[in-house]
């Protein structure tokens, strides 16, 4: 090998070593950032003004402020049950936990349209979301769920033995948490994921599971459910694939697994339309004892 060829090969080798070192350093930086900011990625906490329910035709709705056990003030809506029977009759309740890119204000029309008749509905923004104080963390949003439960069960117009929960996306983890520590009557999950590690493996497969501090273990909690479960999922969901929803439904022995064909993670309400709304109303009303003769949903859809 002549000297010029050896020099050229040596230069190539040094460049390859530098490239490998740079790649390793970049990978380490990505791992550090993923570990350091994993809760911020899981809880992006969009801010936004909280409108009045009356702005969306719900003149009976209230803007409420609920304080958590660690002093964080949460803001949201309480929509009293549609008046039925005796004026002072206690009615069932539904606690709504929204998705991670949502606020109560951004889903105002969804809350209006999906609000079951005869059921009082509470929807609060998690800490750091909307106009709520604080910063979102996994255990923080569980405290938010506890505060929502305490507020709802203390109301004179709510029958505390008949409360269901609805959780969408990240709200599925909050709803399942509440359902495994309190006596909820039924659970509806929309676009649930299996766990924090499951989502990391789905979208960041190079990140070692040992670096994931977030639990958000929906699969484990679904296995401990002792109440009726309904799972709704879009067939075209690329964030939390429909297989995750099916796994939650199977583990939680779901009464119904409703697949919305063609719906992505963010288009379930639009794609589901009346079919989705009717299915939720029938399930909630049936298990909260407010069924007024709705047609049965039939056999679980698999």
C-alpha atoms as a PDB file:
ATOM      1  CA  UNK A   1       0.000   0.000   0.000  1.00  0.00           C
ATOM      2  CA  UNK A   2       1.503   3.299  -1.037  1.00  0.00           C
ATOM      3  CA  UNK A   3       1.699   6.185   1.471  1.00  0.00           C
ATOM      4  CA  UNK A   4      -1.025   8.255  -0.208  1.00  0.00           C
ATOM      5  CA  UNK A   5      -3.508   5.377  -0.084  1.00  0.00           C
ATOM      6  CA  UNK A   6      -2.675   4.669   3.568  1.00  0.00           C
ATOM      7  CA  UNK A   7      -3.148   8.335   4.428  1.00  0.00           C
ATOM      8  CA  UNK A   8      -6.510   8.409   2.647  1.00  0.00           C
ATOM      9  CA  UNK A   9      -7.736   5.278   4.440  1.00  0.00           C
ATOM     10  CA  UNK A  10      -6.540   6.679   7.746  1.00  0.00           C
ATOM     11  CA  UNK A  11      -8.505   9.848   7.117  1.00  0.00           C
ATOM     12  CA  UNK A  12     -11.632   7.822   6.303  1.00  0.00           C
ATOM     13  CA  UNK A  13     -11.179   5.777   9.485  1.00  0.00           C
ATOM     14  CA  UNK A  14     -10.862   8.903  11.619  1.00  0.00           C
ATOM     15  CA  UNK A  15     -13.996  10.345  10.023  1.00  0.00           C
ATOM     16  CA  UNK A  16     -15.900   7.139  10.740  1.00  0.00           C
ATOM     17  CA  UNK A  17     -14.772   7.192  14.373  1.00  0.00           C
ATOM     18  CA  UNK A  18     -15.898  10.800  14.725  1.00  0.00           C
ATOM     19  CA  UNK A  19     -19.243   9.942  13.131  1.00  0.00           C
ATOM     20  CA  UNK A  20     -19.766   7.036  15.516  1.00  0.00           C
ATOM     21  CA  UNK A  21     -18.827   9.168  18.519  1.00  0.00           C
ATOM     22  CA  UNK A  22     -21.157  11.966  17.379  1.00  0.00           C
ATOM     23  CA  UNK A  23     -23.983   9.475  16.863  1.00  0.00           C
ATOM     24  CA  UNK A  24     -23.476   7.987  20.312  1.00  0.00           C
ATOM     25  CA  UNK A  25     -23.366  11.438  21.906  1.00  0.00           C
ATOM     26  CA  UNK A  26     -26.539  12.459  20.069  1.00  0.00           C
ATOM     27  CA  UNK A  27     -28.262   9.278  21.226  1.00  0.00           C
ATOM     28  CA  UNK A  28     -27.215   9.964  24.814  1.00  0.00           C
ATOM     29  CA  UNK A  29     -28.515  13.540  24.573  1.00  0.00           C
ATOM     30  CA  UNK A  30     -31.841  12.275  23.193  1.00  0.00           C
ATOM     31  CA  UNK A  31     -32.096   9.762  26.025  1.00  0.00           C
ATOM     32  CA  UNK A  32     -31.366  12.431  28.638  1.00  0.00           C
ATOM     33  CA  UNK A  33     -33.950  14.788  27.136  1.00  0.00           C
ATOM     34  CA  UNK A  34     -36.527  12.003  26.875  1.00  0.00           C
ATOM     35  CA  UNK A  35     -35.957  11.087  30.520  1.00  0.00           C
ATOM     36  CA  UNK A  36     -35.886  14.692  31.731  1.00  0.00           C
ATOM     37  CA  UNK A  37     -38.984  15.903  29.880  1.00  0.00           C
ATOM     38  CA  UNK A  38     -41.122  12.761  29.695  1.00  0.00           C
ATOM     39  CA  UNK A  39     -43.896  14.231  31.834  1.00  0.00           C
ATOM     40  CA  UNK A  40     -43.975  17.376  29.733  1.00  0.00           C
ATOM     41  CA  UNK A  41     -44.312  15.212  26.623  1.00  0.00           C
ATOM     42  CA  UNK A  42     -47.114  13.186  28.213  1.00  0.00           C
ATOM     43  CA  UNK A  43     -48.877  16.296  29.547  1.00  0.00           C
ATOM     44  CA  UNK A  44     -48.393  19.171  27.051  1.00  0.00           C
ATOM     45  CA  UNK A  45     -50.832  21.263  29.137  1.00  0.00           C
ATOM     46  CA  UNK A  46     -52.391  23.651  26.613  1.00  0.00           C
ATOM     47  CA  UNK A  47     -53.622  26.860  28.184  1.00  0.00           C
ATOM     48  CA  UNK A  48     -56.741  28.747  27.164  1.00  0.00           C
ATOM     49  CA  UNK A  49     -59.651  30.773  28.433  1.00  0.00           C
ATOM     50  CA  UNK A  50     -62.528  28.914  30.041  1.00  0.00           C
ATOM     51  CA  UNK A  51     -65.755  30.050  28.359  1.00  0.00           C
ATOM     52  CA  UNK A  52     -69.161  30.023  30.000  1.00  0.00           C
ATOM     53  CA  UNK A  53     -71.399  27.010  29.305  1.00  0.00           C
ATOM     54  CA  UNK A  54     -74.087  29.553  28.372  1.00  0.00           C
ATOM     55  CA  UNK A  55     -71.965  30.535  25.363  1.00  0.00           C
ATOM     56  CA  UNK A  56     -72.750  27.077  23.974  1.00  0.00           C
ATOM     57  CA  UNK A  57     -76.425  27.001  24.797  1.00  0.00           C
ATOM     58  CA  UNK A  58     -76.123  25.409  28.252  1.00  0.00           C
ATOM     59  CA  UNK A  59     -77.707  28.104  30.375  1.00  0.00           C
ATOM     60  CA  UNK A  60     -77.894  25.786  33.388  1.00  0.00           C
ATOM     61  CA  UNK A  61     -74.142  25.115  33.342  1.00  0.00           C
ATOM     62  CA  UNK A  62     -71.767  26.517  35.946  1.00  0.00           C
ATOM     63  CA  UNK A  63     -68.108  27.520  35.930  1.00  0.00           C
ATOM     64  CA  UNK A  64     -66.599  25.880  39.006  1.00  0.00           C
ATOM     65  CA  UNK A  65     -63.320  26.040  40.924  1.00  0.00           C
ATOM     66  CA  UNK A  66     -62.179  22.912  42.775  1.00  0.00           C
ATOM     67  CA  UNK A  67     -59.179  22.807  45.099  1.00  0.00           C
ATOM     68  CA  UNK A  68     -56.937  19.752  45.247  1.00  0.00           C
ATOM     69  CA  UNK A  69     -55.375  18.247  48.374  1.00  0.00           C
ATOM     70  CA  UNK A  70     -52.076  19.989  47.564  1.00  0.00           C
ATOM     71  CA  UNK A  71     -53.684  23.398  47.122  1.00  0.00           C
ATOM     72  CA  UNK A  72     -53.970  23.592  43.328  1.00  0.00           C
ATOM     73  CA  UNK A  73     -57.076  25.341  42.019  1.00  0.00           C
ATOM     74  CA  UNK A  74     -58.736  23.544  39.108  1.00  0.00           C
ATOM     75  CA  UNK A  75     -61.312  25.221  36.914  1.00  0.00           C
ATOM     76  CA  UNK A  76     -63.966  23.684  34.743  1.00  0.00           C
ATOM     77  CA  UNK A  77     -67.669  23.115  34.224  1.00  0.00           C
ATOM     78  CA  UNK A  78     -70.478  21.509  36.111  1.00  0.00           C
ATOM     79  CA  UNK A  79     -73.551  20.738  34.030  1.00  0.00           C
ATOM     80  CA  UNK A  80     -76.491  19.771  36.268  1.00  0.00           C
ATOM     81  CA  UNK A  81     -78.722  16.892  35.251  1.00  0.00           C
ATOM     82  CA  UNK A  82     -81.573  17.708  32.931  1.00  0.00           C
ATOM     83  CA  UNK A  83     -84.524  18.208  35.324  1.00  0.00           C
ATOM     84  CA  UNK A  84     -86.423  14.958  35.781  1.00  0.00           C
ATOM     85  CA  UNK A  85     -88.829  13.815  38.483  1.00  0.00           C
ATOM     86  CA  UNK A  86     -88.825  15.636  41.815  1.00  0.00           C
ATOM     87  CA  UNK A  87     -86.955  18.948  41.922  1.00  0.00           C
ATOM     88  CA  UNK A  88     -84.761  17.814  44.812  1.00  0.00           C
ATOM     89  CA  UNK A  89     -84.182  14.294  43.560  1.00  0.00           C
ATOM     90  CA  UNK A  90     -80.555  13.187  43.660  1.00  0.00           C
ATOM     91  CA  UNK A  91     -79.274  12.248  40.214  1.00  0.00           C
ATOM     92  CA  UNK A  92     -76.348  10.169  38.948  1.00  0.00           C
ATOM     93  CA  UNK A  93     -73.103  11.841  37.964  1.00  0.00           C
ATOM     94  CA  UNK A  94     -70.467  11.563  35.259  1.00  0.00           C
ATOM     95  CA  UNK A  95     -66.885  12.811  35.658  1.00  0.00           C
ATOM     96  CA  UNK A  96     -65.254  13.600  32.309  1.00  0.00           C
ATOM     97  CA  UNK A  97     -61.449  13.409  31.898  1.00  0.00           C
ATOM     98  CA  UNK A  98     -60.360  14.941  28.589  1.00  0.00           C
ATOM     99  CA  UNK A  99     -57.360  14.233  26.349  1.00  0.00           C
ATOM    100  CA  UNK A 100     -53.877  15.654  26.650  1.00  0.00           C
ATOM    101  CA  UNK A 101     -54.195  18.259  23.878  1.00  0.00           C
ATOM    102  CA  UNK A 102     -57.644  19.353  25.041  1.00  0.00           C
ATOM    103  CA  UNK A 103     -59.178  21.738  27.533  1.00  0.00           C
ATOM    104  CA  UNK A 104     -62.747  22.044  28.744  1.00  0.00           C
ATOM    105  CA  UNK A 105     -63.128  25.070  26.498  1.00  0.00           C
ATOM    106  CA  UNK A 106     -61.814  23.299  23.406  1.00  0.00           C
ATOM    107  CA  UNK A 107     -64.287  20.414  23.780  1.00  0.00           C
ATOM    108  CA  UNK A 108     -67.268  22.543  24.787  1.00  0.00           C
ATOM    109  CA  UNK A 109     -69.466  21.320  21.935  1.00  0.00           C
ATOM    110  CA  UNK A 110     -68.506  17.699  22.676  1.00  0.00           C
ATOM    111  CA  UNK A 111     -69.545  18.083  26.308  1.00  0.00           C
ATOM    112  CA  UNK A 112     -72.805  19.640  25.171  1.00  0.00           C
ATOM    113  CA  UNK A 113     -73.584  16.898  22.654  1.00  0.00           C
ATOM    114  CA  UNK A 114     -72.353  13.916  24.698  1.00  0.00           C
ATOM    115  CA  UNK A 115     -73.986  15.038  27.931  1.00  0.00           C
ATOM    116  CA  UNK A 116     -76.389  12.208  28.892  1.00  0.00           C
ATOM    117  CA  UNK A 117     -79.877  13.203  29.960  1.00  0.00           C
ATOM    118  CA  UNK A 118     -80.566  12.921  33.684  1.00  0.00           C
ATOM    119  CA  UNK A 119     -76.880  12.891  34.635  1.00  0.00           C
ATOM    120  CA  UNK A 120     -74.868  15.690  36.254  1.00  0.00           C
ATOM    121  CA  UNK A 121     -71.548  16.152  34.419  1.00  0.00           C
ATOM    122  CA  UNK A 122     -68.291  17.505  35.878  1.00  0.00           C
ATOM    123  CA  UNK A 123     -65.365  18.343  33.588  1.00  0.00           C
ATOM    124  CA  UNK A 124     -62.253  19.958  35.047  1.00  0.00           C
ATOM    125  CA  UNK A 125     -59.032  21.000  33.373  1.00  0.00           C
ATOM    126  CA  UNK A 126     -56.046  19.179  34.857  1.00  0.00           C
ATOM    127  CA  UNK A 127     -53.442  21.239  36.685  1.00  0.00           C
ATOM    128  CA  UNK A 128     -51.575  23.387  34.177  1.00  0.00           C
ATOM    129  CA  UNK A 129     -54.321  23.046  31.568  1.00  0.00           C
ATOM    130  CA  UNK A 130     -56.756  25.788  30.555  1.00  0.00           C
ATOM    131  CA  UNK A 131     -57.094  28.191  33.481  1.00  0.00           C
ATOM    132  CA  UNK A 132     -56.151  25.628  36.155  1.00  0.00           C
ATOM    133  CA  UNK A 133     -53.097  26.338  38.302  1.00  0.00           C
ATOM    134  CA  UNK A 134     -49.970  24.265  38.825  1.00  0.00           C
ATOM    135  CA  UNK A 135     -48.035  22.029  36.463  1.00  0.00           C
ATOM    136  CA  UNK A 136     -49.181  18.625  35.266  1.00  0.00           C
ATOM    137  CA  UNK A 137     -47.479  15.430  36.443  1.00  0.00           C
ATOM    138  CA  UNK A 138     -48.707  11.863  36.581  1.00  0.00           C
ATOM    139  CA  UNK A 139     -49.337  11.875  40.314  1.00  0.00           C
ATOM    140  CA  UNK A 140     -50.608  15.433  40.113  1.00  0.00           C
ATOM    141  CA  UNK A 141     -53.421  14.511  37.727  1.00  0.00           C
ATOM    142  CA  UNK A 142     -54.341  11.625  40.017  1.00  0.00           C
ATOM    143  CA  UNK A 143     -54.771  14.206  42.786  1.00  0.00           C
ATOM    144  CA  UNK A 144     -56.926  16.183  40.371  1.00  0.00           C
ATOM    145  CA  UNK A 145     -59.096  13.094  39.917  1.00  0.00           C
ATOM    146  CA  UNK A 146     -59.432  12.723  43.680  1.00  0.00           C
ATOM    147  CA  UNK A 147     -60.488  16.355  43.958  1.00  0.00           C
ATOM    148  CA  UNK A 148     -63.107  15.879  41.236  1.00  0.00           C
ATOM    149  CA  UNK A 149     -64.458  12.815  43.044  1.00  0.00           C
ATOM    150  CA  UNK A 150     -64.601  14.591  46.425  1.00  0.00           C
ATOM    151  CA  UNK A 151     -66.362  17.603  44.905  1.00  0.00           C
ATOM    152  CA  UNK A 152     -68.875  15.498  43.014  1.00  0.00           C
ATOM    153  CA  UNK A 153     -69.748  13.148  45.877  1.00  0.00           C
ATOM    154  CA  UNK A 154     -70.276  16.079  48.237  1.00  0.00           C
ATOM    155  CA  UNK A 155     -72.981  17.680  46.092  1.00  0.00           C
ATOM    156  CA  UNK A 156     -76.538  17.603  47.410  1.00  0.00           C
ATOM    157  CA  UNK A 157     -77.960  16.992  43.932  1.00  0.00           C
ATOM    158  CA  UNK A 158     -75.740  13.967  43.152  1.00  0.00           C
ATOM    159  CA  UNK A 159     -76.263  10.371  44.238  1.00  0.00           C
ATOM    160  CA  UNK A 160     -72.704   9.488  45.264  1.00  0.00           C
ATOM    161  CA  UNK A 161     -73.378   5.772  44.746  1.00  0.00           C
ATOM    162  CA  UNK A 162     -74.116   6.301  41.040  1.00  0.00           C
ATOM    163  CA  UNK A 163     -71.142   8.023  39.451  1.00  0.00           C
ATOM    164  CA  UNK A 164     -69.496   6.944  36.196  1.00  0.00           C
ATOM    165  CA  UNK A 165     -66.235   8.149  34.643  1.00  0.00           C
ATOM    166  CA  UNK A 166     -65.304   8.924  31.060  1.00  0.00           C
ATOM    167  CA  UNK A 167     -61.645   9.143  30.042  1.00  0.00           C
ATOM    168  CA  UNK A 168     -60.219   9.994  26.645  1.00  0.00           C
ATOM    169  CA  UNK A 169     -56.566   9.421  25.639  1.00  0.00           C
ATOM    170  CA  UNK A 170     -54.466  10.541  28.644  1.00  0.00           C
ATOM    171  CA  UNK A 171     -57.786  10.854  30.480  1.00  0.00           C
ATOM    172  CA  UNK A 172     -58.139   7.067  30.232  1.00  0.00           C
ATOM    173  CA  UNK A 173     -55.299   6.750  32.740  1.00  0.00           C
ATOM    174  CA  UNK A 174     -56.930   9.285  35.056  1.00  0.00           C
ATOM    175  CA  UNK A 175     -60.330   7.621  34.771  1.00  0.00           C
ATOM    176  CA  UNK A 176     -58.939   4.125  35.362  1.00  0.00           C
ATOM    177  CA  UNK A 177     -56.993   5.363  38.376  1.00  0.00           C
ATOM    178  CA  UNK A 178     -60.183   6.750  39.900  1.00  0.00           C
ATOM    179  CA  UNK A 179     -62.136   3.600  39.062  1.00  0.00           C
ATOM    180  CA  UNK A 180     -59.657   1.425  40.934  1.00  0.00           C
ATOM    181  CA  UNK A 181     -59.603   3.494  44.131  1.00  0.00           C
ATOM    182  CA  UNK A 182     -63.256   4.557  44.420  1.00  0.00           C
ATOM    183  CA  UNK A 183     -66.648   2.928  43.916  1.00  0.00           C
ATOM    184  CA  UNK A 184     -67.520   4.216  40.479  1.00  0.00           C
ATOM    185  CA  UNK A 185     -70.506   2.587  38.781  1.00  0.00           C
ATOM    186  CA  UNK A 186     -69.182   2.300  35.196  1.00  0.00           C
ATOM    187  CA  UNK A 187     -66.239   3.349  32.994  1.00  0.00           C
ATOM    188  CA  UNK A 188     -66.080   4.609  29.405  1.00  0.00           C
ATOM    189  CA  UNK A 189     -62.620   4.847  27.813  1.00  0.00           C
ATOM    190  CA  UNK A 190     -61.945   6.445  24.458  1.00  0.00           C
ATOM    191  CA  UNK A 191     -58.640   5.927  22.595  1.00  0.00           C
ATOM    192  CA  UNK A 192     -56.869   4.390  25.613  1.00  0.00           C
ATOM    193  CA  UNK A 193     -53.240   3.284  25.531  1.00  0.00           C
ATOM    194  CA  UNK A 194     -51.739   0.345  27.386  1.00  0.00           C
ATOM    195  CA  UNK A 195     -49.104   2.126  29.516  1.00  0.00           C
ATOM    196  CA  UNK A 196     -46.413   4.768  29.525  1.00  0.00           C
ATOM    197  CA  UNK A 197     -43.823   2.161  28.581  1.00  0.00           C
ATOM    198  CA  UNK A 198     -46.102   0.833  25.864  1.00  0.00           C
ATOM    199  CA  UNK A 199     -46.392   4.284  24.307  1.00  0.00           C
ATOM    200  CA  UNK A 200     -42.615   4.815  24.547  1.00  0.00           C
ATOM    201  CA  UNK A 201     -41.982   1.526  22.776  1.00  0.00           C
ATOM    202  CA  UNK A 202     -44.533   2.433  20.118  1.00  0.00           C
ATOM    203  CA  UNK A 203     -43.066   5.851  19.329  1.00  0.00           C
ATOM    204  CA  UNK A 204     -39.511   5.806  20.719  1.00  0.00           C
ATOM    205  CA  UNK A 205     -38.391   2.218  20.483  1.00  0.00           C
ATOM    206  CA  UNK A 206     -34.719   3.108  21.015  1.00  0.00           C
ATOM    207  CA  UNK A 207     -35.438   4.481  24.491  1.00  0.00           C
ATOM    208  CA  UNK A 208     -34.769   1.750  27.091  1.00  0.00           C
ATOM    209  CA  UNK A 209     -37.867   0.982  29.213  1.00  0.00           C
ATOM    210  CA  UNK A 210     -35.735   1.477  32.328  1.00  0.00           C
ATOM    211  CA  UNK A 211     -35.648   5.219  31.591  1.00  0.00           C
ATOM    212  CA  UNK A 212     -39.431   5.572  31.559  1.00  0.00           C
ATOM    213  CA  UNK A 213     -40.575   6.835  34.955  1.00  0.00           C
ATOM    214  CA  UNK A 214     -44.183   7.313  33.862  1.00  0.00           C
ATOM    215  CA  UNK A 215     -46.367   4.384  34.802  1.00  0.00           C
ATOM    216  CA  UNK A 216     -49.798   5.283  33.413  1.00  0.00           C
ATOM    217  CA  UNK A 217     -50.427   1.554  33.510  1.00  0.00           C
ATOM    218  CA  UNK A 218     -53.887   1.254  32.017  1.00  0.00           C
ATOM    219  CA  UNK A 219     -53.477  -2.430  31.274  1.00  0.00           C
ATOM    220  CA  UNK A 220     -52.787  -3.307  34.910  1.00  0.00           C
ATOM    221  CA  UNK A 221     -55.630  -1.156  36.190  1.00  0.00           C
ATOM    222  CA  UNK A 222     -58.064  -2.495  33.601  1.00  0.00           C
ATOM    223  CA  UNK A 223     -57.328  -5.952  34.939  1.00  0.00           C
ATOM    224  CA  UNK A 224     -58.494  -4.823  38.389  1.00  0.00           C
ATOM    225  CA  UNK A 225     -61.752  -3.268  37.222  1.00  0.00           C
ATOM    226  CA  UNK A 226     -64.834  -4.696  38.875  1.00  0.00           C
ATOM    227  CA  UNK A 227     -67.416  -2.531  37.088  1.00  0.00           C
ATOM    228  CA  UNK A 228     -68.841  -2.434  33.545  1.00  0.00           C
ATOM    229  CA  UNK A 229     -66.411  -1.097  30.936  1.00  0.00           C
ATOM    230  CA  UNK A 230     -66.967   0.334  27.463  1.00  0.00           C
ATOM    231  CA  UNK A 231     -64.011   1.033  25.148  1.00  0.00           C
ATOM    232  CA  UNK A 232     -64.190   3.189  22.029  1.00  0.00           C
ATOM    233  CA  UNK A 233     -61.303   3.419  19.554  1.00  0.00           C
ATOM    234  CA  UNK A 234     -60.605   4.720  16.067  1.00  0.00           C
ATOM    235  CA  UNK A 235     -59.395   2.139  13.568  1.00  0.00           C
ATOM    236  CA  UNK A 236     -56.914   4.627  12.049  1.00  0.00           C
ATOM    237  CA  UNK A 237     -55.420   5.820  15.350  1.00  0.00           C
ATOM    238  CA  UNK A 238     -51.655   6.150  14.874  1.00  0.00           C
ATOM    239  CA  UNK A 239     -50.927   7.632  18.289  1.00  0.00           C
ATOM    240  CA  UNK A 240     -52.519   4.892  20.385  1.00  0.00           C
ATOM    241  CA  UNK A 241     -53.171   2.073  17.883  1.00  0.00           C
ATOM    242  CA  UNK A 242     -56.510   0.290  18.000  1.00  0.00           C
ATOM    243  CA  UNK A 243     -54.689  -2.833  19.208  1.00  0.00           C
ATOM    244  CA  UNK A 244     -54.036  -0.977  22.468  1.00  0.00           C
ATOM    245  CA  UNK A 245     -57.738  -0.315  22.890  1.00  0.00           C
ATOM    246  CA  UNK A 246     -58.492  -3.950  22.169  1.00  0.00           C
ATOM    247  CA  UNK A 247     -55.965  -5.054  24.788  1.00  0.00           C
ATOM    248  CA  UNK A 248     -57.597  -2.773  27.378  1.00  0.00           C
ATOM    249  CA  UNK A 249     -61.043  -4.069  26.418  1.00  0.00           C
ATOM    250  CA  UNK A 250     -59.953  -7.706  26.694  1.00  0.00           C
ATOM    251  CA  UNK A 251     -58.103  -7.229  29.982  1.00  0.00           C
ATOM    252  CA  UNK A 252     -60.948  -5.204  31.494  1.00  0.00           C
ATOM    253  CA  UNK A 253     -63.579  -7.688  30.246  1.00  0.00           C
ATOM    254  CA  UNK A 254     -65.322  -4.843  28.423  1.00  0.00           C
ATOM    255  CA  UNK A 255     -69.032  -5.077  27.922  1.00  0.00           C
ATOM    256  CA  UNK A 256     -68.619  -3.270  24.616  1.00  0.00           C
ATOM    257  CA  UNK A 257     -65.685  -2.512  22.311  1.00  0.00           C
ATOM    258  CA  UNK A 258     -66.780   0.019  19.711  1.00  0.00           C
ATOM    259  CA  UNK A 259     -64.444   0.534  16.739  1.00  0.00           C
ATOM    260  CA  UNK A 260     -64.952   3.758  14.780  1.00  0.00           C
ATOM    261  CA  UNK A 261     -63.865   2.932  11.246  1.00  0.00           C
ATOM    262  CA  UNK A 262     -61.502   5.455   9.697  1.00  0.00           C
ATOM    263  CA  UNK A 263     -61.230   7.573  12.849  1.00  0.00           C
ATOM    264  CA  UNK A 264     -57.799   8.823  13.902  1.00  0.00           C
ATOM    265  CA  UNK A 265     -56.836   9.770  17.439  1.00  0.00           C
ATOM    266  CA  UNK A 266     -58.238  13.274  16.962  1.00  0.00           C
ATOM    267  CA  UNK A 267     -61.311  12.590  14.788  1.00  0.00           C
ATOM    268  CA  UNK A 268     -63.278  10.116  16.906  1.00  0.00           C
ATOM    269  CA  UNK A 269     -66.081  12.529  17.791  1.00  0.00           C
ATOM    270  CA  UNK A 270     -66.450  13.655  14.190  1.00  0.00           C
ATOM    271  CA  UNK A 271     -66.265  10.157  12.698  1.00  0.00           C
ATOM    272  CA  UNK A 272     -68.323   8.517  15.432  1.00  0.00           C
ATOM    273  CA  UNK A 273     -71.134  11.040  15.252  1.00  0.00           C
ATOM    274  CA  UNK A 274     -74.577   9.942  16.384  1.00  0.00           C
ATOM    275  CA  UNK A 275     -73.564   6.296  16.629  1.00  0.00           C
ATOM    276  CA  UNK A 276     -70.825   7.104  19.139  1.00  0.00           C
ATOM    277  CA  UNK A 277     -73.036   9.473  21.113  1.00  0.00           C
ATOM    278  CA  UNK A 278     -75.952   7.025  21.294  1.00  0.00           C
ATOM    279  CA  UNK A 279     -73.678   4.194  22.406  1.00  0.00           C
ATOM    280  CA  UNK A 280     -72.218   6.296  25.247  1.00  0.00           C
ATOM    281  CA  UNK A 281     -75.653   7.523  26.335  1.00  0.00           C
ATOM    282  CA  UNK A 282     -77.126   4.017  26.355  1.00  0.00           C
ATOM    283  CA  UNK A 283     -74.198   2.546  28.268  1.00  0.00           C
ATOM    284  CA  UNK A 284     -74.083   5.327  30.877  1.00  0.00           C
ATOM    285  CA  UNK A 285     -77.838   5.507  31.327  1.00  0.00           C
ATOM    286  CA  UNK A 286     -78.165   1.748  31.627  1.00  0.00           C
ATOM    287  CA  UNK A 287     -75.550   1.422  34.335  1.00  0.00           C
ATOM    288  CA  UNK A 288     -76.509   4.561  36.246  1.00  0.00           C
ATOM    289  CA  UNK A 289     -80.149   3.579  36.367  1.00  0.00           C
ATOM    290  CA  UNK A 290     -81.414   6.401  34.161  1.00  0.00           C
ATOM    291  CA  UNK A 291     -82.357   4.268  31.164  1.00  0.00           C
ATOM    292  CA  UNK A 292     -85.627   5.578  29.771  1.00  0.00           C
ATOM    293  CA  UNK A 293     -86.229   2.888  27.229  1.00  0.00           C
ATOM    294  CA  UNK A 294     -83.253   3.250  24.903  1.00  0.00           C
ATOM    295  CA  UNK A 295     -82.669   0.410  22.507  1.00  0.00           C
ATOM    296  CA  UNK A 296     -80.078  -2.066  23.807  1.00  0.00           C
ATOM    297  CA  UNK A 297     -76.610  -1.954  22.319  1.00  0.00           C
ATOM    298  CA  UNK A 298     -76.610  -5.690  21.652  1.00  0.00           C
ATOM    299  CA  UNK A 299     -73.619  -7.992  21.858  1.00  0.00           C
ATOM    300  CA  UNK A 300     -70.154  -6.524  22.455  1.00  0.00           C
ATOM    301  CA  UNK A 301     -68.418  -5.565  19.217  1.00  0.00           C
ATOM    302  CA  UNK A 302     -65.047  -7.215  18.743  1.00  0.00           C
END
